[in-house]
């Protein structure tokens, strides 16, 4: 189902704009706020602080050998990857998907 925005959502926004989209989603059983949606990104990132709040044991992380490379060429090695349930929206208009996150 399509995600759409109404005039209310544009309150305080100067058009045209190229602002990032920031949403609130339920990841596993935790409501996470200020999630940045970047449609140009090649991976889904979960920061260690957020992972710790999920209280998932670290042994559930799968090893990742490939580093992430930023626009300036800087490299970071993920601590692992994990599949998590993500829910967007509220009943009855919601969707649930499994997403693979790299934890950094």
PDB file of N, CA and C in Angstrom:
ATOM      1  N   UNK A   1       0.845  -1.180   0.000  1.00  0.00           N
ATOM      2  CA  UNK A   1       0.000   0.000   0.000  1.00  0.00           C
ATOM      3  C   UNK A   1       0.885   1.236   0.000  1.00  0.00           C
ATOM      4  N   UNK A   2       0.470   2.216  -0.745  1.00  0.00           N
ATOM      5  CA  UNK A   2       1.255   3.443  -0.891  1.00  0.00           C
ATOM      6  C   UNK A   2       1.272   4.248   0.400  1.00  0.00           C
ATOM      7  N   UNK A   3       2.401   4.867   0.664  1.00  0.00           N
ATOM      8  CA  UNK A   3       2.527   5.810   1.772  1.00  0.00           C
ATOM      9  C   UNK A   3       2.336   7.194   1.173  1.00  0.00           C
ATOM     10  N   UNK A   4       1.419   7.975   1.737  1.00  0.00           N
ATOM     11  CA  UNK A   4       1.162   9.302   1.199  1.00  0.00           C
ATOM     12  C   UNK A   4       1.144  10.325   2.328  1.00  0.00           C
ATOM     13  N   UNK A   5       1.269  11.582   1.938  1.00  0.00           N
ATOM     14  CA  UNK A   5       1.304  12.676   2.891  1.00  0.00           C
ATOM     15  C   UNK A   5       0.205  13.665   2.554  1.00  0.00           C
ATOM     16  N   UNK A   6      -0.384  14.246   3.583  1.00  0.00           N
ATOM     17  CA  UNK A   6      -1.436  15.237   3.377  1.00  0.00           C
ATOM     18  C   UNK A   6      -0.866  16.636   3.623  1.00  0.00           C
ATOM     19  N   UNK A   7      -1.702  17.640   3.438  1.00  0.00           N
ATOM     20  CA  UNK A   7      -1.296  19.023   3.682  1.00  0.00           C
ATOM     21  C   UNK A   7      -0.831  19.222   5.124  1.00  0.00           C
ATOM     22  N   UNK A   8      -1.428  18.511   6.053  1.00  0.00           N
ATOM     23  CA  UNK A   8      -1.047  18.621   7.470  1.00  0.00           C
ATOM     24  C   UNK A   8       0.423  18.241   7.659  1.00  0.00           C
ATOM     25  N   UNK A   9       0.887  17.245   6.900  1.00  0.00           N
ATOM     26  CA  UNK A   9       2.269  16.797   7.016  1.00  0.00           C
ATOM     27  C   UNK A   9       3.262  17.849   6.527  1.00  0.00           C
ATOM     28  N   UNK A  10       2.811  18.769   5.681  1.00  0.00           N
ATOM     29  CA  UNK A  10       3.686  19.794   5.135  1.00  0.00           C
ATOM     30  C   UNK A  10       3.713  21.058   5.981  1.00  0.00           C
ATOM     31  N   UNK A  11       3.046  21.051   7.109  1.00  0.00           N
ATOM     32  CA  UNK A  11       3.012  22.236   7.968  1.00  0.00           C
ATOM     33  C   UNK A  11       4.426  22.612   8.387  1.00  0.00           C
ATOM     34  N   UNK A  12       4.819  23.845   8.107  1.00  0.00           N
ATOM     35  CA  UNK A  12       6.142  24.334   8.472  1.00  0.00           C
ATOM     36  C   UNK A  12       7.235  24.000   7.465  1.00  0.00           C
ATOM     37  N   UNK A  13       6.890  23.335   6.372  1.00  0.00           N
ATOM     38  CA  UNK A  13       7.868  22.966   5.348  1.00  0.00           C
ATOM     39  C   UNK A  13       7.787  23.965   4.199  1.00  0.00           C
ATOM     40  N   UNK A  14       8.928  24.487   3.803  1.00  0.00           N
ATOM     41  CA  UNK A  14       8.979  25.398   2.663  1.00  0.00           C
ATOM     42  C   UNK A  14       9.182  24.575   1.399  1.00  0.00           C
ATOM     43  N   UNK A  15       8.277  24.733   0.457  1.00  0.00           N
ATOM     44  CA  UNK A  15       8.359  23.973  -0.788  1.00  0.00           C
ATOM     45  C   UNK A  15       9.007  24.805  -1.872  1.00  0.00           C
ATOM     46  N   UNK A  16       9.744  24.290  -2.821  1.00  0.00           N
ATOM     47  CA  UNK A  16      10.162  22.891  -2.858  1.00  0.00           C
ATOM     48  C   UNK A  16      11.237  22.634  -1.807  1.00  0.00           C
ATOM     49  N   UNK A  17      11.425  21.382  -1.445  1.00  0.00           N
ATOM     50  CA  UNK A  17      12.398  21.054  -0.402  1.00  0.00           C
ATOM     51  C   UNK A  17      13.118  19.760  -0.752  1.00  0.00           C
ATOM     52  N   UNK A  18      14.246  19.542  -0.100  1.00  0.00           N
ATOM     53  CA  UNK A  18      14.971  18.283  -0.236  1.00  0.00           C
ATOM     54  C   UNK A  18      15.337  17.760   1.159  1.00  0.00           C
ATOM     55  N   UNK A  19      14.431  18.038   2.109  1.00  0.00           N
ATOM     56  CA  UNK A  19      14.653  17.595   3.487  1.00  0.00           C
ATOM     57  C   UNK A  19      14.607  16.075   3.564  1.00  0.00           C
ATOM     58  N   UNK A  20      15.346  15.502   4.512  1.00  0.00           N
ATOM     59  CA  UNK A  20      15.273  14.053   4.695  1.00  0.00           C
ATOM     60  C   UNK A  20      13.916  13.665   5.275  1.00  0.00           C
ATOM     61  N   UNK A  21      13.517  12.431   5.029  1.00  0.00           N
ATOM     62  CA  UNK A  21      12.285  11.895   5.618  1.00  0.00           C
ATOM     63  C   UNK A  21      12.667  11.183   6.904  1.00  0.00           C
ATOM     64  N   UNK A  22      12.036  11.567   8.003  1.00  0.00           N
ATOM     65  CA  UNK A  22      12.303  10.966   9.308  1.00  0.00           C
ATOM     66  C   UNK A  22      10.990  10.432   9.840  1.00  0.00           C
ATOM     67  N   UNK A  23      10.980   9.145  10.229  1.00  0.00           N
ATOM     68  CA  UNK A  23       9.747   8.496  10.653  1.00  0.00           C
ATOM     69  C   UNK A  23       9.932   7.793  11.991  1.00  0.00           C
ATOM     70  N   UNK A  24       8.814   7.328  12.548  1.00  0.00           N
ATOM     71  CA  UNK A  24       8.807   6.481  13.732  1.00  0.00           C
ATOM     72  C   UNK A  24       8.304   5.114  13.301  1.00  0.00           C
ATOM     73  N   UNK A  25       9.034   4.070  13.661  1.00  0.00           N
ATOM     74  CA  UNK A  25       8.674   2.694  13.311  1.00  0.00           C
ATOM     75  C   UNK A  25       8.792   1.800  14.529  1.00  0.00           C
ATOM     76  N   UNK A  26       8.094   0.701  14.500  1.00  0.00           N
ATOM     77  CA  UNK A  26       8.251  -0.306  15.548  1.00  0.00           C
ATOM     78  C   UNK A  26       9.235  -1.349  15.034  1.00  0.00           C
ATOM     79  N   UNK A  27      10.358  -1.495  15.714  1.00  0.00           N
ATOM     80  CA  UNK A  27      11.371  -2.489  15.367  1.00  0.00           C
ATOM     81  C   UNK A  27      11.364  -3.520  16.477  1.00  0.00           C
ATOM     82  N   UNK A  28      11.028  -4.771  16.095  1.00  0.00           N
ATOM     83  CA  UNK A  28      10.750  -5.812  17.076  1.00  0.00           C
ATOM     84  C   UNK A  28       9.657  -5.260  17.999  1.00  0.00           C
ATOM     85  N   UNK A  29       9.876  -5.137  19.287  1.00  0.00           N
ATOM     86  CA  UNK A  29       8.830  -4.633  20.192  1.00  0.00           C
ATOM     87  C   UNK A  29       9.126  -3.219  20.683  1.00  0.00           C
ATOM     88  N   UNK A  30      10.107  -2.556  20.072  1.00  0.00           N
ATOM     89  CA  UNK A  30      10.530  -1.230  20.511  1.00  0.00           C
ATOM     90  C   UNK A  30      10.120  -0.174  19.489  1.00  0.00           C
ATOM     91  N   UNK A  31       9.488   0.897  19.955  1.00  0.00           N
ATOM     92  CA  UNK A  31       9.157   2.012  19.071  1.00  0.00           C
ATOM     93  C   UNK A  31      10.393   2.887  18.941  1.00  0.00           C
ATOM     94  N   UNK A  32      10.891   2.998  17.709  1.00  0.00           N
ATOM     95  CA  UNK A  32      12.077   3.815  17.449  1.00  0.00           C
ATOM     96  C   UNK A  32      11.645   5.084  16.745  1.00  0.00           C
ATOM     97  N   UNK A  33      12.108   6.209  17.275  1.00  0.00           N
ATOM     98  CA  UNK A  33      11.787   7.511  16.704  1.00  0.00           C
ATOM     99  C   UNK A  33      13.006   8.048  15.977  1.00  0.00           C
ATOM    100  N   UNK A  34      12.767   9.012  15.109  1.00  0.00           N
ATOM    101  CA  UNK A  34      13.822   9.687  14.347  1.00  0.00           C
ATOM    102  C   UNK A  34      14.619   8.718  13.477  1.00  0.00           C
ATOM    103  N   UNK A  35      13.905   7.861  12.746  1.00  0.00           N
ATOM    104  CA  UNK A  35      14.549   6.966  11.793  1.00  0.00           C
ATOM    105  C   UNK A  35      14.663   7.713  10.467  1.00  0.00           C
ATOM    106  N   UNK A  36      15.882   7.836   9.976  1.00  0.00           N
ATOM    107  CA  UNK A  36      16.132   8.539   8.720  1.00  0.00           C
ATOM    108  C   UNK A  36      15.914   7.582   7.563  1.00  0.00           C
ATOM    109  N   UNK A  37      15.069   7.980   6.621  1.00  0.00           N
ATOM    110  CA  UNK A  37      14.852   7.212   5.396  1.00  0.00           C
ATOM    111  C   UNK A  37      15.735   7.826   4.316  1.00  0.00           C
ATOM    112  N   UNK A  38      16.660   7.056   3.803  1.00  0.00           N
ATOM    113  CA  UNK A  38      17.557   7.512   2.747  1.00  0.00           C
ATOM    114  C   UNK A  38      17.438   6.531   1.592  1.00  0.00           C
ATOM    115  N   UNK A  39      16.640   6.891   0.610  1.00  0.00           N
ATOM    116  CA  UNK A  39      16.389   5.973  -0.504  1.00  0.00           C
ATOM    117  C   UNK A  39      17.622   5.748  -1.367  1.00  0.00           C
ATOM    118  N   UNK A  40      18.659   6.541  -1.167  1.00  0.00           N
ATOM    119  CA  UNK A  40      19.887   6.356  -1.928  1.00  0.00           C
ATOM    120  C   UNK A  40      20.886   5.449  -1.245  1.00  0.00           C
ATOM    121  N   UNK A  41      20.602   5.021  -0.026  1.00  0.00           N
ATOM    122  CA  UNK A  41      21.526   4.178   0.718  1.00  0.00           C
ATOM    123  C   UNK A  41      21.467   2.739   0.212  1.00  0.00           C
ATOM    124  N   UNK A  42      22.601   2.067   0.259  1.00  0.00           N
ATOM    125  CA  UNK A  42      22.656   0.680  -0.213  1.00  0.00           C
ATOM    126  C   UNK A  42      22.448  -0.329   0.901  1.00  0.00           C
ATOM    127  N   UNK A  43      22.293   0.125   2.130  1.00  0.00           N
ATOM    128  CA  UNK A  43      22.113  -0.801   3.244  1.00  0.00           C
ATOM    129  C   UNK A  43      21.287  -0.146   4.347  1.00  0.00           C
ATOM    130  N   UNK A  44      20.765  -0.971   5.246  1.00  0.00           N
ATOM    131  CA  UNK A  44      20.007  -0.471   6.396  1.00  0.00           C
ATOM    132  C   UNK A  44      20.900  -0.573   7.623  1.00  0.00           C
ATOM    133  N   UNK A  45      21.106   0.551   8.289  1.00  0.00           N
ATOM    134  CA  UNK A  45      22.039   0.650   9.407  1.00  0.00           C
ATOM    135  C   UNK A  45      21.276   0.697  10.728  1.00  0.00           C
ATOM    136  N   UNK A  46      21.781  -0.036  11.711  1.00  0.00           N
ATOM    137  CA  UNK A  46      21.267   0.009  13.078  1.00  0.00           C
ATOM    138  C   UNK A  46      22.457   0.306  13.978  1.00  0.00           C
ATOM    139  N   UNK A  47      22.391   1.414  14.692  1.00  0.00           N
ATOM    140  CA  UNK A  47      23.493   1.765  15.586  1.00  0.00           C
ATOM    141  C   UNK A  47      23.464   0.904  16.840  1.00  0.00           C
ATOM    142  N   UNK A  48      24.651   0.663  17.402  1.00  0.00           N
ATOM    143  CA  UNK A  48      24.783  -0.219  18.561  1.00  0.00           C
ATOM    144  C   UNK A  48      23.898   0.226  19.720  1.00  0.00           C
ATOM    145  N   UNK A  49      23.787   1.525  19.922  1.00  0.00           N
ATOM    146  CA  UNK A  49      22.951   2.038  21.022  1.00  0.00           C
ATOM    147  C   UNK A  49      21.506   1.574  20.854  1.00  0.00           C
ATOM    148  N   UNK A  50      20.980   1.651  19.636  1.00  0.00           N
ATOM    149  CA  UNK A  50      19.614   1.191  19.373  1.00  0.00           C
ATOM    150  C   UNK A  50      19.524  -0.326  19.519  1.00  0.00           C
ATOM    151  N   UNK A  51      20.532  -1.040  19.033  1.00  0.00           N
ATOM    152  CA  UNK A  51      20.559  -2.508  19.177  1.00  0.00           C
ATOM    153  C   UNK A  51      20.518  -2.896  20.654  1.00  0.00           C
ATOM    154  N   UNK A  52      21.293  -2.208  21.477  1.00  0.00           N
ATOM    155  CA  UNK A  52      21.312  -2.508  22.918  1.00  0.00           C
ATOM    156  C   UNK A  52      19.935  -2.310  23.548  1.00  0.00           C
ATOM    157  N   UNK A  53      19.185  -1.309  23.093  1.00  0.00           N
ATOM    158  CA  UNK A  53      17.851  -1.066  23.639  1.00  0.00           C
ATOM    159  C   UNK A  53      16.871  -2.172  23.274  1.00  0.00           C
ATOM    160  N   UNK A  54      17.134  -2.878  22.174  1.00  0.00           N
ATOM    161  CA  UNK A  54      16.277  -3.994  21.781  1.00  0.00           C
ATOM    162  C   UNK A  54      16.469  -5.212  22.691  1.00  0.00           C
ATOM    163  N   UNK A  55      17.581  -5.232  23.422  1.00  0.00           N
ATOM    164  CA  UNK A  55      17.901  -6.325  24.362  1.00  0.00           C
ATOM    165  C   UNK A  55      17.952  -7.686  23.672  1.00  0.00           C
ATOM    166  N   UNK A  56      18.499  -7.686  22.482  1.00  0.00           N
ATOM    167  CA  UNK A  56      18.720  -8.926  21.741  1.00  0.00           C
ATOM    168  C   UNK A  56      20.146  -9.367  22.051  1.00  0.00           C
ATOM    169  N   UNK A  57      20.344 -10.642  22.385  1.00  0.00           N
ATOM    170  CA  UNK A  57      21.701 -11.108  22.685  1.00  0.00           C
ATOM    171  C   UNK A  57      22.631 -10.942  21.477  1.00  0.00           C
ATOM    172  N   UNK A  58      23.855 -10.502  21.733  1.00  0.00           N
ATOM    173  CA  UNK A  58      24.814 -10.238  20.660  1.00  0.00           C
ATOM    174  C   UNK A  58      25.142 -11.493  19.869  1.00  0.00           C
ATOM    175  N   UNK A  59      24.986 -12.668  20.459  1.00  0.00           N
ATOM    176  CA  UNK A  59      25.307 -13.890  19.725  1.00  0.00           C
ATOM    177  C   UNK A  59      24.354 -14.125  18.549  1.00  0.00           C
ATOM    178  N   UNK A  60      23.243 -13.395  18.498  1.00  0.00           N
ATOM    179  CA  UNK A  60      22.315 -13.536  17.375  1.00  0.00           C
ATOM    180  C   UNK A  60      22.774 -12.770  16.130  1.00  0.00           C
ATOM    181  N   UNK A  61      23.799 -11.942  16.285  1.00  0.00           N
ATOM    182  CA  UNK A  61      24.359 -11.225  15.137  1.00  0.00           C
ATOM    183  C   UNK A  61      25.129 -12.206  14.249  1.00  0.00           C
ATOM    184  N   UNK A  62      24.956 -12.043  12.933  1.00  0.00           N
ATOM    185  CA  UNK A  62      25.736 -12.835  11.983  1.00  0.00           C
ATOM    186  C   UNK A  62      26.993 -12.037  11.624  1.00  0.00           C
ATOM    187  N   UNK A  63      28.116 -12.723  11.463  1.00  0.00           N
ATOM    188  CA  UNK A  63      29.350 -12.015  11.104  1.00  0.00           C
ATOM    189  C   UNK A  63      29.230 -11.340   9.733  1.00  0.00           C
ATOM    190  N   UNK A  64      29.886 -10.193   9.601  1.00  0.00           N
ATOM    191  CA  UNK A  64      29.947  -9.456   8.342  1.00  0.00           C
ATOM    192  C   UNK A  64      31.415  -9.147   8.092  1.00  0.00           C
ATOM    193  N   UNK A  65      31.909  -9.548   6.930  1.00  0.00           N
ATOM    194  CA  UNK A  65      33.332  -9.341   6.628  1.00  0.00           C
ATOM    195  C   UNK A  65      33.584  -8.134   5.742  1.00  0.00           C
ATOM    196  N   UNK A  66      32.546  -7.653   5.062  1.00  0.00           N
ATOM    197  CA  UNK A  66      32.708  -6.539   4.136  1.00  0.00           C
ATOM    198  C   UNK A  66      32.538  -5.209   4.870  1.00  0.00           C
ATOM    199  N   UNK A  67      33.523  -4.314   4.771  1.00  0.00           N
ATOM    200  CA  UNK A  67      33.377  -3.012   5.433  1.00  0.00           C
ATOM    201  C   UNK A  67      32.409  -2.108   4.677  1.00  0.00           C
ATOM    202  N   UNK A  68      31.885  -1.116   5.385  1.00  0.00           N
ATOM    203  CA  UNK A  68      31.079  -0.063   4.763  1.00  0.00           C
ATOM    204  C   UNK A  68      32.020   1.077   4.392  1.00  0.00           C
ATOM    205  N   UNK A  69      31.804   1.635   3.215  1.00  0.00           N
ATOM    206  CA  UNK A  69      32.654   2.731   2.747  1.00  0.00           C
ATOM    207  C   UNK A  69      31.780   3.950   2.532  1.00  0.00           C
ATOM    208  N   UNK A  70      32.154   5.065   3.162  1.00  0.00           N
ATOM    209  CA  UNK A  70      31.399   6.304   3.050  1.00  0.00           C
ATOM    210  C   UNK A  70      31.772   7.087   1.804  1.00  0.00           C
ATOM    211  N   UNK A  71      31.092   8.201   1.577  1.00  0.00           N
ATOM    212  CA  UNK A  71      31.324   9.027   0.393  1.00  0.00           C
ATOM    213  C   UNK A  71      32.745   9.573   0.344  1.00  0.00           C
ATOM    214  N   UNK A  72      33.335   9.843   1.509  1.00  0.00           N
ATOM    215  CA  UNK A  72      34.689  10.394   1.544  1.00  0.00           C
ATOM    216  C   UNK A  72      35.746   9.292   1.549  1.00  0.00           C
ATOM    217  N   UNK A  73      35.333   8.025   1.412  1.00  0.00           N
ATOM    218  CA  UNK A  73      36.273   6.913   1.378  1.00  0.00           C
ATOM    219  C   UNK A  73      36.578   6.298   2.738  1.00  0.00           C
ATOM    220  N   UNK A  74      35.985   6.847   3.795  1.00  0.00           N
ATOM    221  CA  UNK A  74      36.241   6.287   5.131  1.00  0.00           C
ATOM    222  C   UNK A  74      35.565   4.917   5.245  1.00  0.00           C
ATOM    223  N   UNK A  75      36.216   4.006   5.973  1.00  0.00           N
ATOM    224  CA  UNK A  75      35.689   2.646   6.127  1.00  0.00           C
ATOM    225  C   UNK A  75      35.328   2.374   7.584  1.00  0.00           C
ATOM    226  N   UNK A  76      34.261   1.595   7.767  1.00  0.00           N
ATOM    227  CA  UNK A  76      33.866   1.138   9.092  1.00  0.00           C
ATOM    228  C   UNK A  76      33.471  -0.325   8.958  1.00  0.00           C
ATOM    229  N   UNK A  77      33.844  -1.121   9.932  1.00  0.00           N
ATOM    230  CA  UNK A  77      33.522  -2.540   9.916  1.00  0.00           C
ATOM    231  C   UNK A  77      32.286  -2.783  10.778  1.00  0.00           C
ATOM    232  N   UNK A  78      31.198  -3.273  10.191  1.00  0.00           N
ATOM    233  CA  UNK A  78      29.988  -3.578  10.970  1.00  0.00           C
ATOM    234  C   UNK A  78      30.291  -4.627  12.040  1.00  0.00           C
ATOM    235  N   UNK A  79      29.567  -4.537  13.143  1.00  0.00           N
ATOM    236  CA  UNK A  79      29.713  -5.507  14.230  1.00  0.00           C
ATOM    237  C   UNK A  79      28.954  -6.790  13.922  1.00  0.00           C
ATOM    238  N   UNK A  80      28.102  -6.759  12.895  1.00  0.00           N
ATOM    239  CA  UNK A  80      27.339  -7.931  12.484  1.00  0.00           C
ATOM    240  C   UNK A  80      26.074  -7.507  11.778  1.00  0.00           C
ATOM    241  N   UNK A  81      25.304  -8.507  11.344  1.00  0.00           N
ATOM    242  CA  UNK A  81      24.012  -8.225  10.719  1.00  0.00           C
ATOM    243  C   UNK A  81      22.936  -9.036  11.420  1.00  0.00           C
ATOM    244  N   UNK A  82      21.701  -8.551  11.316  1.00  0.00           N
ATOM    245  CA  UNK A  82      20.583  -9.223  11.970  1.00  0.00           C
ATOM    246  C   UNK A  82      19.292  -8.904  11.217  1.00  0.00           C
ATOM    247  N   UNK A  83      18.412  -9.888  11.151  1.00  0.00           N
ATOM    248  CA  UNK A  83      17.084  -9.693  10.562  1.00  0.00           C
ATOM    249  C   UNK A  83      16.113  -9.320  11.671  1.00  0.00           C
ATOM    250  N   UNK A  84      15.386  -8.223  11.486  1.00  0.00           N
ATOM    251  CA  UNK A  84      14.443  -7.745  12.485  1.00  0.00           C
ATOM    252  C   UNK A  84      13.096  -7.450  11.842  1.00  0.00           C
ATOM    253  N   UNK A  85      12.040  -7.609  12.623  1.00  0.00           N
ATOM    254  CA  UNK A  85      10.688  -7.284  12.196  1.00  0.00           C
ATOM    255  C   UNK A  85      10.468  -5.784  12.346  1.00  0.00           C
ATOM    256  N   UNK A  86       9.974  -5.147  11.275  1.00  0.00           N
ATOM    257  CA  UNK A  86       9.712  -3.706  11.290  1.00  0.00           C
ATOM    258  C   UNK A  86       8.253  -3.486  10.919  1.00  0.00           C
ATOM    259  N   UNK A  87       7.547  -2.714  11.755  1.00  0.00           N
ATOM    260  CA  UNK A  87       6.135  -2.407  11.509  1.00  0.00           C
ATOM    261  C   UNK A  87       6.012  -0.907  11.266  1.00  0.00           C
ATOM    262  N   UNK A  88       5.338  -0.562  10.161  1.00  0.00           N
ATOM    263  CA  UNK A  88       5.071   0.840   9.832  1.00  0.00           C
ATOM    264  C   UNK A  88       3.568   1.051   9.828  1.00  0.00           C
ATOM    265  N   UNK A  89       3.136   2.184  10.379  1.00  0.00           N
ATOM    266  CA  UNK A  89       1.719   2.514  10.389  1.00  0.00           C
ATOM    267  C   UNK A  89       1.028   2.014  11.646  1.00  0.00           C
ATOM    268  N   UNK A  90      -0.269   2.277  11.711  1.00  0.00           N
ATOM    269  CA  UNK A  90      -1.094   1.821  12.822  1.00  0.00           C
ATOM    270  C   UNK A  90      -2.277   1.049  12.266  1.00  0.00           C
ATOM    271  N   UNK A  91      -2.747   0.080  13.046  1.00  0.00           N
ATOM    272  CA  UNK A  91      -3.870  -0.750  12.600  1.00  0.00           C
ATOM    273  C   UNK A  91      -5.073   0.136  12.332  1.00  0.00           C
ATOM    274  N   UNK A  92      -5.813  -0.101  11.311  1.00  0.00           N
ATOM    275  CA  UNK A  92      -5.744  -1.229  10.379  1.00  0.00           C
ATOM    276  C   UNK A  92      -4.846  -0.969   9.178  1.00  0.00           C
ATOM    277  N   UNK A  93      -4.224   0.207   9.106  1.00  0.00           N
ATOM    278  CA  UNK A  93      -3.374   0.544   7.952  1.00  0.00           C
ATOM    279  C   UNK A  93      -1.904   0.436   8.346  1.00  0.00           C
ATOM    280  N   UNK A  94      -1.419  -0.779   8.389  1.00  0.00           N
ATOM    281  CA  UNK A  94      -0.022  -0.964   8.730  1.00  0.00           C
ATOM    282  C   UNK A  94       0.547  -2.124   7.934  1.00  0.00           C
ATOM    283  N   UNK A  95       1.858  -2.177   7.892  1.00  0.00           N
ATOM    284  CA  UNK A  95       2.539  -3.261   7.209  1.00  0.00           C
ATOM    285  C   UNK A  95       3.715  -3.718   8.057  1.00  0.00           C
ATOM    286  N   UNK A  96       4.045  -4.986   7.934  1.00  0.00           N
ATOM    287  CA  UNK A  96       5.160  -5.571   8.676  1.00  0.00           C
ATOM    288  C   UNK A  96       6.086  -6.250   7.679  1.00  0.00           C
ATOM    289  N   UNK A  97       7.377  -5.982   7.806  1.00  0.00           N
ATOM    290  CA  UNK A  97       8.381  -6.585   6.927  1.00  0.00           C
ATOM    291  C   UNK A  97       9.570  -7.044   7.760  1.00  0.00           C
ATOM    292  N   UNK A  98      10.314  -8.007   7.240  1.00  0.00           N
ATOM    293  CA  UNK A  98      11.574  -8.415   7.832  1.00  0.00           C
ATOM    294  C   UNK A  98      12.659  -7.636   7.093  1.00  0.00           C
ATOM    295  N   UNK A  99      13.542  -7.002   7.844  1.00  0.00           N
ATOM    296  CA  UNK A  99      14.638  -6.230   7.242  1.00  0.00           C
ATOM    297  C   UNK A  99      15.956  -6.711   7.812  1.00  0.00           C
ATOM    298  N   UNK A 100      16.981  -6.698   6.971  1.00  0.00           N
ATOM    299  CA  UNK A 100      18.322  -7.040   7.418  1.00  0.00           C
ATOM    300  C   UNK A 100      19.085  -5.748   7.700  1.00  0.00           C
ATOM    301  N   UNK A 101      19.559  -5.614   8.922  1.00  0.00           N
ATOM    302  CA  UNK A 101      20.306  -4.429   9.355  1.00  0.00           C
ATOM    303  C   UNK A 101      21.769  -4.784   9.570  1.00  0.00           C
ATOM    304  N   UNK A 102      22.640  -3.841   9.238  1.00  0.00           N
ATOM    305  CA  UNK A 102      24.036  -3.928   9.630  1.00  0.00           C
ATOM    306  C   UNK A 102      24.183  -3.118  10.896  1.00  0.00           C
ATOM    307  N   UNK A 103      24.771  -3.721  11.926  1.00  0.00           N
ATOM    308  CA  UNK A 103      24.930  -3.027  13.210  1.00  0.00           C
ATOM    309  C   UNK A 103      26.321  -2.412  13.265  1.00  0.00           C
ATOM    310  N   UNK A 104      26.333  -1.093  13.523  1.00  0.00           N
ATOM    311  CA  UNK A 104      27.593  -0.362  13.623  1.00  0.00           C
ATOM    312  C   UNK A 104      27.665   0.381  14.944  1.00  0.00           C
TER     313      UNK A 104
END
